[in-house]
Protein backbone atom coordinates (compact mmCIF):
# COMPACT_ATOMS: atom_id res chain seq x y z
CA UNK A 1 0.00 0.00 0.00
CA UNK A 2 1.02 3.59 -0.50
CA UNK A 3 1.23 6.02 2.41
CA UNK A 4 -1.96 8.09 2.62
CA UNK A 5 -4.43 9.55 5.14
CA UNK A 6 -5.60 5.96 5.86
CA UNK A 7 -2.27 4.15 5.88
CA UNK A 8 1.30 4.93 6.90
CA UNK A 9 4.20 2.52 7.31
CA UNK A 10 7.31 3.78 9.05
CA UNK A 11 9.81 0.99 8.46
CA UNK A 12 12.61 3.27 9.68
CA UNK A 13 11.15 3.47 13.20
CA UNK A 14 13.48 1.91 15.75
CA UNK A 15 10.53 -0.12 17.09
CA UNK A 16 9.34 -1.37 13.70
CA UNK A 17 7.70 -3.79 13.69
CA UNK A 18 6.28 -3.45 17.19
CA UNK A 19 4.02 -6.49 16.69
CA UNK A 20 4.34 -9.67 14.64
CA UNK A 21 2.19 -9.20 11.55
CA UNK A 22 2.44 -10.56 8.02
CA UNK A 23 1.78 -8.20 5.10
CA UNK A 24 1.21 -4.46 5.19
CA UNK A 25 1.76 -2.89 8.61
CA UNK A 26 -0.17 0.31 9.32
CA UNK A 27 1.69 2.63 11.69
CA UNK A 28 -1.03 5.30 11.49
CA UNK A 29 -2.37 4.17 14.87
CA UNK A 30 1.03 3.71 16.47
CA UNK A 31 -0.54 4.46 19.85
CA UNK A 32 -3.88 2.70 19.77
CA UNK A 33 -6.79 5.16 19.84
CA UNK A 34 -8.94 2.43 21.42
CA UNK A 35 -6.70 1.91 24.44
CA UNK A 36 -9.15 3.81 26.66
CA UNK A 37 -11.97 1.37 25.84
CA UNK A 38 -12.57 -1.58 28.16
CA UNK A 39 -14.06 -3.50 25.25
CA UNK A 40 -12.40 -3.21 21.87
CA UNK A 41 -12.11 -5.59 18.92
CA UNK A 42 -8.43 -6.13 19.52
CA UNK A 43 -6.67 -8.99 21.24
CA UNK A 44 -5.79 -7.60 24.66
CA UNK A 45 -5.44 -8.97 28.15
CA UNK A 46 -5.50 -7.31 31.56
CA UNK A 47 -2.65 -7.16 34.04
CA UNK A 48 -3.90 -6.84 37.62
CA UNK A 49 -1.89 -4.56 39.89
CA UNK A 50 -2.51 -3.18 43.38
CA UNK A 51 -3.05 0.23 41.81
CA UNK A 52 -5.58 -1.13 39.33
CA UNK A 53 -5.47 -2.98 36.06
CA UNK A 54 -3.41 -2.26 32.97
CA UNK A 55 -4.47 -3.07 29.44
CA UNK A 56 -1.83 -5.26 27.77
CA UNK A 57 -1.96 -4.99 23.96
CA UNK A 58 1.33 -6.70 23.12
CA UNK A 59 -0.39 -9.43 21.08
CA UNK A 60 -2.89 -7.11 19.38
CA UNK A 61 -2.46 -6.28 15.70
CA UNK A 62 -5.98 -4.94 15.04
CA UNK A 63 -5.02 -1.23 14.64
CA UNK A 64 -2.05 -2.16 12.45
CA UNK A 65 -4.08 -4.04 9.83
CA UNK A 66 -4.90 -1.62 6.98
CA UNK A 67 -8.32 -3.18 6.40
CA UNK A 68 -9.43 -2.17 9.93
CA UNK A 69 -9.23 1.61 9.40
CA UNK A 70 -12.99 2.04 8.81
CA UNK A 71 -13.89 -0.16 11.78
CA UNK A 72 -11.62 1.88 14.07
CA UNK A 73 -13.15 5.15 12.89
CA UNK A 74 -16.67 3.81 13.56
CA UNK A 75 -15.70 2.60 17.03
CA UNK A 76 -14.20 5.99 17.89
CA UNK A 77 -17.26 7.86 16.61
CA UNK A 78 -19.53 5.73 18.79
CA UNK A 79 -17.29 6.09 21.83
CA UNK A 80 -16.83 9.84 21.49
CA UNK A 81 -20.33 10.85 20.48
CA UNK A 82 -22.51 8.77 22.81
CA UNK A 83 -25.93 10.30 23.30
PDB file of N, CA and C in Angstrom:
ATOM      1  N   UNK A   1       0.840  -1.187   0.000  1.00  0.00           N
ATOM      2  CA  UNK A   1       0.000   0.000   0.000  1.00  0.00           C
ATOM      3  C   UNK A   1       0.878   1.242   0.000  1.00  0.00           C
ATOM      4  N   UNK A   2       0.325   2.304  -0.520  1.00  0.00           N
ATOM      5  CA  UNK A   2       1.018   3.590  -0.500  1.00  0.00           C
ATOM      6  C   UNK A   2       0.621   4.382   0.739  1.00  0.00           C
ATOM      7  N   UNK A   3       1.553   5.168   1.280  1.00  0.00           N
ATOM      8  CA  UNK A   3       1.231   6.018   2.409  1.00  0.00           C
ATOM      9  C   UNK A   3       0.141   6.997   2.009  1.00  0.00           C
ATOM     10  N   UNK A   4      -0.833   7.193   2.892  1.00  0.00           N
ATOM     11  CA  UNK A   4      -1.956   8.093   2.620  1.00  0.00           C
ATOM     12  C   UNK A   4      -2.560   8.525   3.949  1.00  0.00           C
ATOM     13  N   UNK A   5      -3.751   9.150   3.908  1.00  0.00           N
ATOM     14  CA  UNK A   5      -4.429   9.551   5.140  1.00  0.00           C
ATOM     15  C   UNK A   5      -5.004   8.348   5.891  1.00  0.00           C
ATOM     16  N   UNK A   6      -5.046   7.174   5.250  1.00  0.00           N
ATOM     17  CA  UNK A   6      -5.600   5.964   5.855  1.00  0.00           C
ATOM     18  C   UNK A   6      -4.524   4.920   6.179  1.00  0.00           C
ATOM     19  N   UNK A   7      -3.325   5.142   5.703  1.00  0.00           N
ATOM     20  CA  UNK A   7      -2.265   4.146   5.878  1.00  0.00           C
ATOM     21  C   UNK A   7      -0.918   4.847   5.902  1.00  0.00           C
ATOM     22  N   UNK A   8      -0.060   4.406   6.825  1.00  0.00           N
ATOM     23  CA  UNK A   8       1.297   4.930   6.900  1.00  0.00           C
ATOM     24  C   UNK A   8       2.188   3.848   7.487  1.00  0.00           C
ATOM     25  N   UNK A   9       3.239   3.504   6.795  1.00  0.00           N
ATOM     26  CA  UNK A   9       4.195   2.524   7.313  1.00  0.00           C
ATOM     27  C   UNK A   9       5.536   3.198   7.506  1.00  0.00           C
ATOM     28  N   UNK A  10       6.026   3.175   8.726  1.00  0.00           N
ATOM     29  CA  UNK A  10       7.313   3.779   9.051  1.00  0.00           C
ATOM     30  C   UNK A  10       8.328   2.675   9.340  1.00  0.00           C
ATOM     31  N   UNK A  11       8.867   2.097   8.300  1.00  0.00           N
ATOM     32  CA  UNK A  11       9.808   0.987   8.459  1.00  0.00           C
ATOM     33  C   UNK A  11      11.162   1.442   9.013  1.00  0.00           C
ATOM     34  N   UNK A  12      11.377   2.752   9.113  1.00  0.00           N
ATOM     35  CA  UNK A  12      12.615   3.266   9.677  1.00  0.00           C
ATOM     36  C   UNK A  12      12.518   3.515  11.189  1.00  0.00           C
ATOM     37  N   UNK A  13      11.339   3.302  11.753  1.00  0.00           N
ATOM     38  CA  UNK A  13      11.152   3.469  13.197  1.00  0.00           C
ATOM     39  C   UNK A  13      12.013   2.450  13.933  1.00  0.00           C
ATOM     40  N   UNK A  14      12.610   2.838  15.011  1.00  0.00           N
ATOM     41  CA  UNK A  14      13.477   1.910  15.747  1.00  0.00           C
ATOM     42  C   UNK A  14      12.682   0.788  16.400  1.00  0.00           C
ATOM     43  N   UNK A  15      11.368   0.927  16.503  1.00  0.00           N
ATOM     44  CA  UNK A  15      10.529  -0.117  17.088  1.00  0.00           C
ATOM     45  C   UNK A  15       9.827  -0.970  16.033  1.00  0.00           C
ATOM     46  N   UNK A  16      10.033  -0.655  14.774  1.00  0.00           N
ATOM     47  CA  UNK A  16       9.335  -1.369  13.696  1.00  0.00           C
ATOM     48  C   UNK A  16       9.932  -2.751  13.484  1.00  0.00           C
ATOM     49  N   UNK A  17       9.139  -3.768  13.383  1.00  0.00           N
ATOM     50  CA  UNK A  17       7.704  -3.789  13.686  1.00  0.00           C
ATOM     51  C   UNK A  17       7.492  -4.014  15.179  1.00  0.00           C
ATOM     52  N   UNK A  18       6.536  -3.335  15.744  1.00  0.00           N
ATOM     53  CA  UNK A  18       6.281  -3.453  17.188  1.00  0.00           C
ATOM     54  C   UNK A  18       5.449  -4.678  17.528  1.00  0.00           C
ATOM     55  N   UNK A  19       4.812  -5.269  16.523  1.00  0.00           N
ATOM     56  CA  UNK A  19       4.024  -6.492  16.686  1.00  0.00           C
ATOM     57  C   UNK A  19       4.346  -7.420  15.521  1.00  0.00           C
ATOM     58  N   UNK A  20       4.149  -8.709  15.724  1.00  0.00           N
ATOM     59  CA  UNK A  20       4.343  -9.669  14.636  1.00  0.00           C
ATOM     60  C   UNK A  20       3.108  -9.645  13.750  1.00  0.00           C
ATOM     61  N   UNK A  21       3.307  -9.302  12.485  1.00  0.00           N
ATOM     62  CA  UNK A  21       2.194  -9.197  11.548  1.00  0.00           C
ATOM     63  C   UNK A  21       2.716  -9.423  10.141  1.00  0.00           C
ATOM     64  N   UNK A  22       2.080 -10.303   9.415  1.00  0.00           N
ATOM     65  CA  UNK A  22       2.436 -10.560   8.019  1.00  0.00           C
ATOM     66  C   UNK A  22       1.750  -9.533   7.130  1.00  0.00           C
ATOM     67  N   UNK A  23       2.394  -9.115   6.067  1.00  0.00           N
ATOM     68  CA  UNK A  23       1.785  -8.202   5.102  1.00  0.00           C
ATOM     69  C   UNK A  23       1.987  -6.748   5.473  1.00  0.00           C
ATOM     70  N   UNK A  24       1.115  -5.896   4.928  1.00  0.00           N
ATOM     71  CA  UNK A  24       1.206  -4.458   5.190  1.00  0.00           C
ATOM     72  C   UNK A  24       1.002  -4.168   6.671  1.00  0.00           C
ATOM     73  N   UNK A  25       1.788  -3.245   7.200  1.00  0.00           N
ATOM     74  CA  UNK A  25       1.761  -2.887   8.613  1.00  0.00           C
ATOM     75  C   UNK A  25       1.436  -1.411   8.720  1.00  0.00           C
ATOM     76  N   UNK A  26       0.257  -1.082   9.237  1.00  0.00           N
ATOM     77  CA  UNK A  26      -0.175   0.307   9.323  1.00  0.00           C
ATOM     78  C   UNK A  26       0.298   0.936  10.632  1.00  0.00           C
ATOM     79  N   UNK A  27       1.160   1.928  10.520  1.00  0.00           N
ATOM     80  CA  UNK A  27       1.685   2.630  11.688  1.00  0.00           C
ATOM     81  C   UNK A  27       0.854   3.873  12.031  1.00  0.00           C
ATOM     82  N   UNK A  28      -0.202   4.118  11.269  1.00  0.00           N
ATOM     83  CA  UNK A  28      -1.030   5.303  11.488  1.00  0.00           C
ATOM     84  C   UNK A  28      -1.528   5.371  12.924  1.00  0.00           C
ATOM     85  N   UNK A  29      -1.914   4.222  13.482  1.00  0.00           N
ATOM     86  CA  UNK A  29      -2.374   4.169  14.869  1.00  0.00           C
ATOM     87  C   UNK A  29      -1.277   3.572  15.743  1.00  0.00           C
ATOM     88  N   UNK A  30      -0.115   4.184  15.709  1.00  0.00           N
ATOM     89  CA  UNK A  30       1.029   3.706  16.473  1.00  0.00           C
ATOM     90  C   UNK A  30       0.641   3.544  17.939  1.00  0.00           C
ATOM     91  N   UNK A  31       0.030   4.554  18.515  1.00  0.00           N
ATOM     92  CA  UNK A  31      -0.536   4.463  19.854  1.00  0.00           C
ATOM     93  C   UNK A  31      -2.026   4.251  19.662  1.00  0.00           C
ATOM     94  N   UNK A  32      -2.511   3.116  20.065  1.00  0.00           N
ATOM     95  CA  UNK A  32      -3.880   2.701  19.771  1.00  0.00           C
ATOM     96  C   UNK A  32      -4.904   3.709  20.286  1.00  0.00           C
ATOM     97  N   UNK A  33      -5.760   4.211  19.403  1.00  0.00           N
ATOM     98  CA  UNK A  33      -6.788   5.164  19.836  1.00  0.00           C
ATOM     99  C   UNK A  33      -7.918   4.481  20.620  1.00  0.00           C
ATOM    100  N   UNK A  34      -7.906   3.163  20.685  1.00  0.00           N
ATOM    101  CA  UNK A  34      -8.945   2.429  21.419  1.00  0.00           C
ATOM    102  C   UNK A  34      -8.453   1.960  22.781  1.00  0.00           C
ATOM    103  N   UNK A  35      -7.271   2.360  23.163  1.00  0.00           N
ATOM    104  CA  UNK A  35      -6.701   1.913  24.436  1.00  0.00           C
ATOM    105  C   UNK A  35      -7.613   2.241  25.616  1.00  0.00           C
ATOM    106  N   UNK A  36      -8.294   3.372  25.557  1.00  0.00           N
ATOM    107  CA  UNK A  36      -9.145   3.811  26.657  1.00  0.00           C
ATOM    108  C   UNK A  36     -10.435   3.000  26.798  1.00  0.00           C
ATOM    109  N   UNK A  37     -10.745   2.167  25.811  1.00  0.00           N
ATOM    110  CA  UNK A  37     -11.966   1.370  25.840  1.00  0.00           C
ATOM    111  C   UNK A  37     -11.746   0.052  26.578  1.00  0.00           C
ATOM    112  N   UNK A  38     -12.652  -0.284  27.487  1.00  0.00           N
ATOM    113  CA  UNK A  38     -12.569  -1.577  28.159  1.00  0.00           C
ATOM    114  C   UNK A  38     -12.809  -2.710  27.173  1.00  0.00           C
ATOM    115  N   UNK A  39     -13.751  -2.493  26.267  1.00  0.00           N
ATOM    116  CA  UNK A  39     -14.058  -3.495  25.250  1.00  0.00           C
ATOM    117  C   UNK A  39     -13.697  -2.929  23.885  1.00  0.00           C
ATOM    118  N   UNK A  40     -12.798  -3.601  23.222  1.00  0.00           N
ATOM    119  CA  UNK A  40     -12.405  -3.212  21.873  1.00  0.00           C
ATOM    120  C   UNK A  40     -12.251  -4.489  21.051  1.00  0.00           C
ATOM    121  N   UNK A  41     -12.199  -4.390  19.747  1.00  0.00           N
ATOM    122  CA  UNK A  41     -12.108  -5.595  18.923  1.00  0.00           C
ATOM    123  C   UNK A  41     -10.727  -6.228  18.885  1.00  0.00           C
ATOM    124  N   UNK A  42      -9.782  -5.612  19.532  1.00  0.00           N
ATOM    125  CA  UNK A  42      -8.425  -6.133  19.521  1.00  0.00           C
ATOM    126  C   UNK A  42      -8.237  -7.310  20.459  1.00  0.00           C
ATOM    127  N   UNK A  43      -7.038  -7.840  20.432  1.00  0.00           N
ATOM    128  CA  UNK A  43      -6.672  -8.994  21.236  1.00  0.00           C
ATOM    129  C   UNK A  43      -5.841  -8.513  22.421  1.00  0.00           C
ATOM    130  N   UNK A  44      -6.516  -8.083  23.481  1.00  0.00           N
ATOM    131  CA  UNK A  44      -5.790  -7.596  24.655  1.00  0.00           C
ATOM    132  C   UNK A  44      -6.063  -8.479  25.861  1.00  0.00           C
ATOM    133  N   UNK A  45      -5.241  -8.314  26.860  1.00  0.00           N
ATOM    134  CA  UNK A  45      -5.437  -8.971  28.151  1.00  0.00           C
ATOM    135  C   UNK A  45      -5.333  -7.884  29.215  1.00  0.00           C
ATOM    136  N   UNK A  46      -5.615  -8.261  30.449  1.00  0.00           N
ATOM    137  CA  UNK A  46      -5.501  -7.313  31.560  1.00  0.00           C
ATOM    138  C   UNK A  46      -4.439  -7.807  32.539  1.00  0.00           C
ATOM    139  N   UNK A  47      -3.635  -6.884  33.006  1.00  0.00           N
ATOM    140  CA  UNK A  47      -2.651  -7.165  34.043  1.00  0.00           C
ATOM    141  C   UNK A  47      -3.175  -6.522  35.323  1.00  0.00           C
ATOM    142  N   UNK A  48      -3.375  -7.343  36.342  1.00  0.00           N
ATOM    143  CA  UNK A  48      -3.896  -6.842  37.618  1.00  0.00           C
ATOM    144  C   UNK A  48      -2.742  -6.355  38.491  1.00  0.00           C
ATOM    145  N   UNK A  49      -2.877  -5.152  38.989  1.00  0.00           N
ATOM    146  CA  UNK A  49      -1.890  -4.556  39.893  1.00  0.00           C
ATOM    147  C   UNK A  49      -2.620  -4.039  41.129  1.00  0.00           C
ATOM    148  N   UNK A  50      -1.887  -3.759  42.195  1.00  0.00           N
ATOM    149  CA  UNK A  50      -2.508  -3.177  43.384  1.00  0.00           C
ATOM    150  C   UNK A  50      -3.176  -1.848  43.057  1.00  0.00           C
ATOM    151  N   UNK A  51      -2.552  -1.092  42.165  1.00  0.00           N
ATOM    152  CA  UNK A  51      -3.045   0.234  41.813  1.00  0.00           C
ATOM    153  C   UNK A  51      -4.240   0.179  40.857  1.00  0.00           C
ATOM    154  N   UNK A  52      -4.508  -0.982  40.316  1.00  0.00           N
ATOM    155  CA  UNK A  52      -5.577  -1.131  39.331  1.00  0.00           C
ATOM    156  C   UNK A  52      -5.118  -2.072  38.235  1.00  0.00           C
ATOM    157  N   UNK A  53      -5.852  -2.085  37.153  1.00  0.00           N
ATOM    158  CA  UNK A  53      -5.466  -2.980  36.058  1.00  0.00           C
ATOM    159  C   UNK A  53      -4.924  -2.185  34.879  1.00  0.00           C
ATOM    160  N   UNK A  54      -4.071  -2.861  34.127  1.00  0.00           N
ATOM    161  CA  UNK A  54      -3.411  -2.260  32.974  1.00  0.00           C
ATOM    162  C   UNK A  54      -3.779  -3.080  31.743  1.00  0.00           C
ATOM    163  N   UNK A  55      -4.139  -2.398  30.691  1.00  0.00           N
ATOM    164  CA  UNK A  55      -4.472  -3.069  29.437  1.00  0.00           C
ATOM    165  C   UNK A  55      -3.173  -3.457  28.734  1.00  0.00           C
ATOM    166  N   UNK A  56      -3.035  -4.741  28.421  1.00  0.00           N
ATOM    167  CA  UNK A  56      -1.832  -5.257  27.772  1.00  0.00           C
ATOM    168  C   UNK A  56      -2.178  -5.595  26.320  1.00  0.00           C
ATOM    169  N   UNK A  57      -1.640  -4.838  25.379  1.00  0.00           N
ATOM    170  CA  UNK A  57      -1.962  -4.987  23.958  1.00  0.00           C
ATOM    171  C   UNK A  57      -0.811  -5.573  23.144  1.00  0.00           C
ATOM    172  N   UNK A  58       0.130  -6.213  23.797  1.00  0.00           N
ATOM    173  CA  UNK A  58       1.329  -6.699  23.118  1.00  0.00           C
ATOM    174  C   UNK A  58       1.016  -7.676  21.990  1.00  0.00           C
ATOM    175  N   UNK A  59      -0.040  -8.464  22.126  1.00  0.00           N
ATOM    176  CA  UNK A  59      -0.388  -9.435  21.082  1.00  0.00           C
ATOM    177  C   UNK A  59      -1.467  -8.927  20.122  1.00  0.00           C
ATOM    178  N   UNK A  60      -1.815  -7.661  20.211  1.00  0.00           N
ATOM    179  CA  UNK A  60      -2.885  -7.105  19.380  1.00  0.00           C
ATOM    180  C   UNK A  60      -2.320  -6.478  18.101  1.00  0.00           C
ATOM    181  N   UNK A  61      -2.875  -6.868  16.982  1.00  0.00           N
ATOM    182  CA  UNK A  61      -2.463  -6.281  15.697  1.00  0.00           C
ATOM    183  C   UNK A  61      -3.623  -5.558  15.016  1.00  0.00           C
ATOM    184  N   UNK A  62      -4.785  -5.510  15.667  1.00  0.00           N
ATOM    185  CA  UNK A  62      -5.980  -4.936  15.043  1.00  0.00           C
ATOM    186  C   UNK A  62      -5.742  -3.536  14.462  1.00  0.00           C
ATOM    187  N   UNK A  63      -5.189  -2.574  15.211  1.00  0.00           N
ATOM    188  CA  UNK A  63      -5.018  -1.232  14.636  1.00  0.00           C
ATOM    189  C   UNK A  63      -3.940  -1.150  13.554  1.00  0.00           C
ATOM    190  N   UNK A  64      -3.123  -2.180  13.439  1.00  0.00           N
ATOM    191  CA  UNK A  64      -2.046  -2.162  12.448  1.00  0.00           C
ATOM    192  C   UNK A  64      -2.423  -2.845  11.132  1.00  0.00           C
ATOM    193  N   UNK A  65      -3.604  -3.415  11.076  1.00  0.00           N
ATOM    194  CA  UNK A  65      -4.079  -4.036   9.833  1.00  0.00           C
ATOM    195  C   UNK A  65      -4.799  -2.973   9.011  1.00  0.00           C
ATOM    196  N   UNK A  66      -4.313  -2.689   7.800  1.00  0.00           N
ATOM    197  CA  UNK A  66      -4.897  -1.617   6.984  1.00  0.00           C
ATOM    198  C   UNK A  66      -6.398  -1.759   6.765  1.00  0.00           C
ATOM    199  N   UNK A  67      -6.904  -2.972   6.672  1.00  0.00           N
ATOM    200  CA  UNK A  67      -8.322  -3.180   6.400  1.00  0.00           C
ATOM    201  C   UNK A  67      -9.219  -2.802   7.588  1.00  0.00           C
ATOM    202  N   UNK A  68      -8.637  -2.503   8.753  1.00  0.00           N
ATOM    203  CA  UNK A  68      -9.434  -2.166   9.931  1.00  0.00           C
ATOM    204  C   UNK A  68      -9.613  -0.667  10.149  1.00  0.00           C
ATOM    205  N   UNK A  69      -9.123   0.153   9.245  1.00  0.00           N
ATOM    206  CA  UNK A  69      -9.227   1.612   9.396  1.00  0.00           C
ATOM    207  C   UNK A  69     -10.678   2.048   9.592  1.00  0.00           C
ATOM    208  N   UNK A  70     -11.585   1.619   8.718  1.00  0.00           N
ATOM    209  CA  UNK A  70     -12.989   2.039   8.812  1.00  0.00           C
ATOM    210  C   UNK A  70     -13.628   1.571  10.109  1.00  0.00           C
ATOM    211  N   UNK A  71     -13.329   0.369  10.529  1.00  0.00           N
ATOM    212  CA  UNK A  71     -13.891  -0.157  11.782  1.00  0.00           C
ATOM    213  C   UNK A  71     -13.417   0.682  12.967  1.00  0.00           C
ATOM    214  N   UNK A  72     -12.157   1.048  12.986  1.00  0.00           N
ATOM    215  CA  UNK A  72     -11.618   1.878  14.073  1.00  0.00           C
ATOM    216  C   UNK A  72     -12.303   3.230  14.100  1.00  0.00           C
ATOM    217  N   UNK A  73     -12.495   3.837  12.944  1.00  0.00           N
ATOM    218  CA  UNK A  73     -13.146   5.146  12.892  1.00  0.00           C
ATOM    219  C   UNK A  73     -14.583   5.058  13.405  1.00  0.00           C
ATOM    220  N   UNK A  74     -15.295   3.993  13.069  1.00  0.00           N
ATOM    221  CA  UNK A  74     -16.669   3.815  13.556  1.00  0.00           C
ATOM    222  C   UNK A  74     -16.697   3.621  15.070  1.00  0.00           C
ATOM    223  N   UNK A  75     -15.778   2.838  15.587  1.00  0.00           N
ATOM    224  CA  UNK A  75     -15.697   2.600  17.033  1.00  0.00           C
ATOM    225  C   UNK A  75     -15.431   3.908  17.774  1.00  0.00           C
ATOM    226  N   UNK A  76     -14.520   4.712  17.256  1.00  0.00           N
ATOM    227  CA  UNK A  76     -14.198   5.991  17.894  1.00  0.00           C
ATOM    228  C   UNK A  76     -15.370   6.959  17.829  1.00  0.00           C
ATOM    229  N   UNK A  77     -16.076   6.988  16.719  1.00  0.00           N
ATOM    230  CA  UNK A  77     -17.255   7.859  16.607  1.00  0.00           C
ATOM    231  C   UNK A  77     -18.295   7.486  17.649  1.00  0.00           C
ATOM    232  N   UNK A  78     -18.554   6.191  17.801  1.00  0.00           N
ATOM    233  CA  UNK A  78     -19.532   5.727  18.789  1.00  0.00           C
ATOM    234  C   UNK A  78     -19.087   6.058  20.195  1.00  0.00           C
ATOM    235  N   UNK A  79     -17.818   5.865  20.494  1.00  0.00           N
ATOM    236  CA  UNK A  79     -17.290   6.088  21.833  1.00  0.00           C
ATOM    237  C   UNK A  79     -17.265   7.579  22.197  1.00  0.00           C
ATOM    238  N   UNK A  80     -16.978   8.420  21.232  1.00  0.00           N
ATOM    239  CA  UNK A  80     -16.826   9.843  21.495  1.00  0.00           C
ATOM    240  C   UNK A  80     -18.122  10.635  21.408  1.00  0.00           C
ATOM    241  N   UNK A  81     -19.092  10.107  20.690  1.00  0.00           N
ATOM    242  CA  UNK A  81     -20.331  10.847  20.484  1.00  0.00           C
ATOM    243  C   UNK A  81     -21.545  10.104  21.030  1.00  0.00           C
ATOM    244  N   UNK A  82     -21.380   9.461  22.183  1.00  0.00           N
ATOM    245  CA  UNK A  82     -22.507   8.773  22.814  1.00  0.00           C
ATOM    246  C   UNK A  82     -23.568   9.789  23.184  1.00  0.00           C
ATOM    247  N   UNK A  83     -24.806   9.393  22.972  1.00  0.00           N
ATOM    248  CA  UNK A  83     -25.934  10.299  23.303  1.00  0.00           C
ATOM    249  C   UNK A  83     -26.217  10.287  24.774  1.00  0.00           C
TER     250      UNK A  83
END
